[in-house]
């Protein structure tokens, strides 16, 4: 997940914006439609479940090697990736989907989308990356 979010933060969104509002907006609408029918969605939920289980296991094993890394890594993933996606990115994706890329509200919607969606994606990128480091560290110290 860290890699997917990094790609969007580092170059995908800037590329879509550089392509022009109508093109970029239509492309992002297509990405949002296709991603929910791809392998991404099962992996999204499976990784969230795995991180929940790791956090719970870390709590149950508190004090043993790697336990705090599991708790913080799993919790950070759930809060910074799952919760941010549900509370911020998905509602913005839904608002984008409801706007005609060639309609009169498209320019304002695209600007609003870029200003709000991208910072939340940066949060997901950092959260997933730090979570990954912590969970690998938990394995390394066990």
Protein backbone atom coordinates (compact mmCIF):
# COMPACT_ATOMS: atom_id res chain seq x y z
CA UNK A 1 0.00 0.00 0.00
CA UNK A 2 2.85 2.38 0.78
CA UNK A 3 4.10 2.03 -2.79
CA UNK A 4 0.70 2.62 -4.36
CA UNK A 5 0.07 5.73 -2.30
CA UNK A 6 3.62 6.96 -2.89
CA UNK A 7 3.12 6.71 -6.66
CA UNK A 8 -0.01 8.85 -6.45
CA UNK A 9 1.70 11.38 -4.18
CA UNK A 10 4.96 11.52 -6.15
CA UNK A 11 3.76 11.68 -9.75
CA UNK A 12 0.35 10.28 -10.69
CA UNK A 13 -1.73 13.20 -9.42
CA UNK A 14 0.68 15.79 -10.80
CA UNK A 15 0.58 14.02 -14.16
CA UNK A 16 -3.21 13.99 -14.20
CA UNK A 17 -3.30 17.68 -13.30
CA UNK A 18 -0.74 18.52 -16.00
CA UNK A 19 -2.88 16.72 -18.59
CA UNK A 20 -5.57 19.36 -18.11
CA UNK A 21 -8.68 19.46 -15.98
CA UNK A 22 -11.05 17.53 -18.23
CA UNK A 23 -8.52 14.83 -19.11
CA UNK A 24 -7.10 14.50 -15.60
CA UNK A 25 -10.51 14.47 -13.99
CA UNK A 26 -11.89 11.86 -16.39
CA UNK A 27 -8.79 9.72 -15.89
CA UNK A 28 -9.09 9.89 -12.08
CA UNK A 29 -12.78 9.03 -12.30
CA UNK A 30 -11.83 5.98 -14.36
CA UNK A 31 -9.09 4.99 -11.89
CA UNK A 32 -11.59 5.25 -9.02
CA UNK A 33 -14.11 3.05 -10.85
CA UNK A 34 -11.59 0.40 -11.86
CA UNK A 35 -9.67 0.21 -8.57
CA UNK A 36 -12.73 -1.06 -6.67
CA UNK A 37 -13.07 -3.93 -9.17
CA UNK A 38 -9.39 -4.88 -9.06
CA UNK A 39 -7.16 -6.89 -6.74
CA UNK A 40 -6.48 -3.66 -4.87
CA UNK A 41 -9.71 -3.83 -2.86
CA UNK A 42 -9.24 -7.38 -1.45
CA UNK A 43 -5.62 -6.51 -0.60
CA UNK A 44 -6.76 -3.24 0.97
CA UNK A 45 -9.12 -5.05 3.33
CA UNK A 46 -6.83 -8.06 3.92
CA UNK A 47 -3.92 -5.81 4.89
CA UNK A 48 -6.21 -3.86 7.22
CA UNK A 49 -7.39 -7.07 8.89
CA UNK A 50 -3.79 -8.29 9.18
CA UNK A 51 -2.73 -5.03 10.84
CA UNK A 52 -5.67 -5.21 13.23
CA UNK A 53 -4.67 -8.73 14.21
CA UNK A 54 -1.03 -7.70 14.61
CA UNK A 55 -2.00 -4.80 16.85
CA UNK A 56 -4.20 -7.05 18.99
CA UNK A 57 -1.48 -9.71 19.14
CA UNK A 58 1.02 -7.03 20.15
CA UNK A 59 -1.24 -5.93 23.00
CA UNK A 60 -1.68 -9.54 24.12
CA UNK A 61 2.10 -10.05 24.04
CA UNK A 62 2.90 -6.64 25.59
CA UNK A 63 6.40 -6.57 27.02
CA UNK A 64 7.79 -9.21 24.69
CA UNK A 65 10.22 -8.40 21.88
CA UNK A 66 8.53 -6.50 19.07
CA UNK A 67 5.21 -6.05 20.82
CA UNK A 68 5.21 -2.26 20.87
CA UNK A 69 6.22 -2.16 17.18
CA UNK A 70 3.28 -4.42 16.33
CA UNK A 71 0.83 -2.31 18.32
CA UNK A 72 2.01 1.03 16.95
CA UNK A 73 2.59 -0.28 13.41
CA UNK A 74 -0.80 -1.96 13.18
CA UNK A 75 -2.64 0.95 14.78
CA UNK A 76 -0.88 3.52 12.60
CA UNK A 77 -1.84 1.55 9.49
CA UNK A 78 -5.48 1.38 10.57
CA UNK A 79 -5.68 5.06 11.54
CA UNK A 80 -3.46 6.56 8.85
CA UNK A 81 -4.53 4.37 5.95
CA UNK A 82 -7.93 2.78 6.58
CA UNK A 83 -9.57 5.59 8.57
CA UNK A 84 -8.14 8.38 6.38
CA UNK A 85 -9.25 6.56 3.24
CA UNK A 86 -12.78 6.10 4.58
CA UNK A 87 -13.16 9.57 6.09
CA UNK A 88 -11.32 11.72 3.54
CA UNK A 89 -10.30 10.15 0.24
CA UNK A 90 -13.42 8.09 -0.53
CA UNK A 91 -15.85 11.00 0.05
CA UNK A 92 -13.70 13.16 -2.24
CA UNK A 93 -13.67 10.38 -4.84
CA UNK A 94 -17.47 10.16 -4.61
CA UNK A 95 -17.82 13.92 -5.08
CA UNK A 96 -15.49 13.78 -8.07
CA UNK A 97 -17.50 10.93 -9.58
CA UNK A 98 -20.72 12.94 -9.23
CA UNK A 99 -19.27 15.82 -11.29
CA UNK A 100 -19.27 15.85 -15.09
CA UNK A 101 -15.65 16.31 -16.23
CA UNK A 102 -16.87 18.62 -19.01
CA UNK A 103 -19.59 20.36 -16.99
CA UNK A 104 -19.69 23.87 -15.59
CA UNK A 105 -18.65 22.78 -12.07
CA UNK A 106 -15.72 20.66 -13.24
CA UNK A 107 -12.95 23.25 -12.87
CA UNK A 108 -13.91 24.14 -9.28
CA UNK A 109 -14.37 20.46 -8.37
CA UNK A 110 -10.98 19.45 -9.80
CA UNK A 111 -9.16 22.26 -7.95
CA UNK A 112 -10.93 21.37 -4.70
CA UNK A 113 -10.20 17.70 -5.24
CA UNK A 114 -6.50 18.29 -5.87
CA UNK A 115 -6.18 20.62 -2.86
CA UNK A 116 -7.86 18.17 -0.46
CA UNK A 117 -7.24 14.68 -1.84
CA UNK A 118 -3.49 14.92 -2.28
CA UNK A 119 -2.59 15.99 1.30
CA UNK A 120 -4.68 13.14 2.68
CA UNK A 121 -2.90 10.77 0.30
CA UNK A 122 0.42 12.03 1.70
CA UNK A 123 -0.86 11.05 5.16
CA UNK A 124 -1.66 7.57 3.86
CA UNK A 125 1.77 7.30 2.23
CA UNK A 126 3.66 8.27 5.38
CA UNK A 127 1.43 6.15 7.63
CA UNK A 128 1.87 3.04 5.50
CA UNK A 129 5.61 3.55 5.20
CA UNK A 130 6.17 4.07 8.94
CA UNK A 131 3.84 1.15 9.67
CA UNK A 132 5.86 -1.05 7.32
CA UNK A 133 9.12 -0.09 9.04
CA UNK A 134 7.67 -0.80 12.48
CA UNK A 135 6.18 -4.16 11.48
CA UNK A 136 9.42 -5.28 9.83
CA UNK A 137 11.27 -4.18 12.99
CA UNK A 138 8.84 -6.28 15.05
CA UNK A 139 9.79 -9.33 13.00
CA UNK A 140 13.49 -8.51 13.17
CA UNK A 141 13.61 -8.33 16.97
CA UNK A 142 11.62 -11.50 17.56
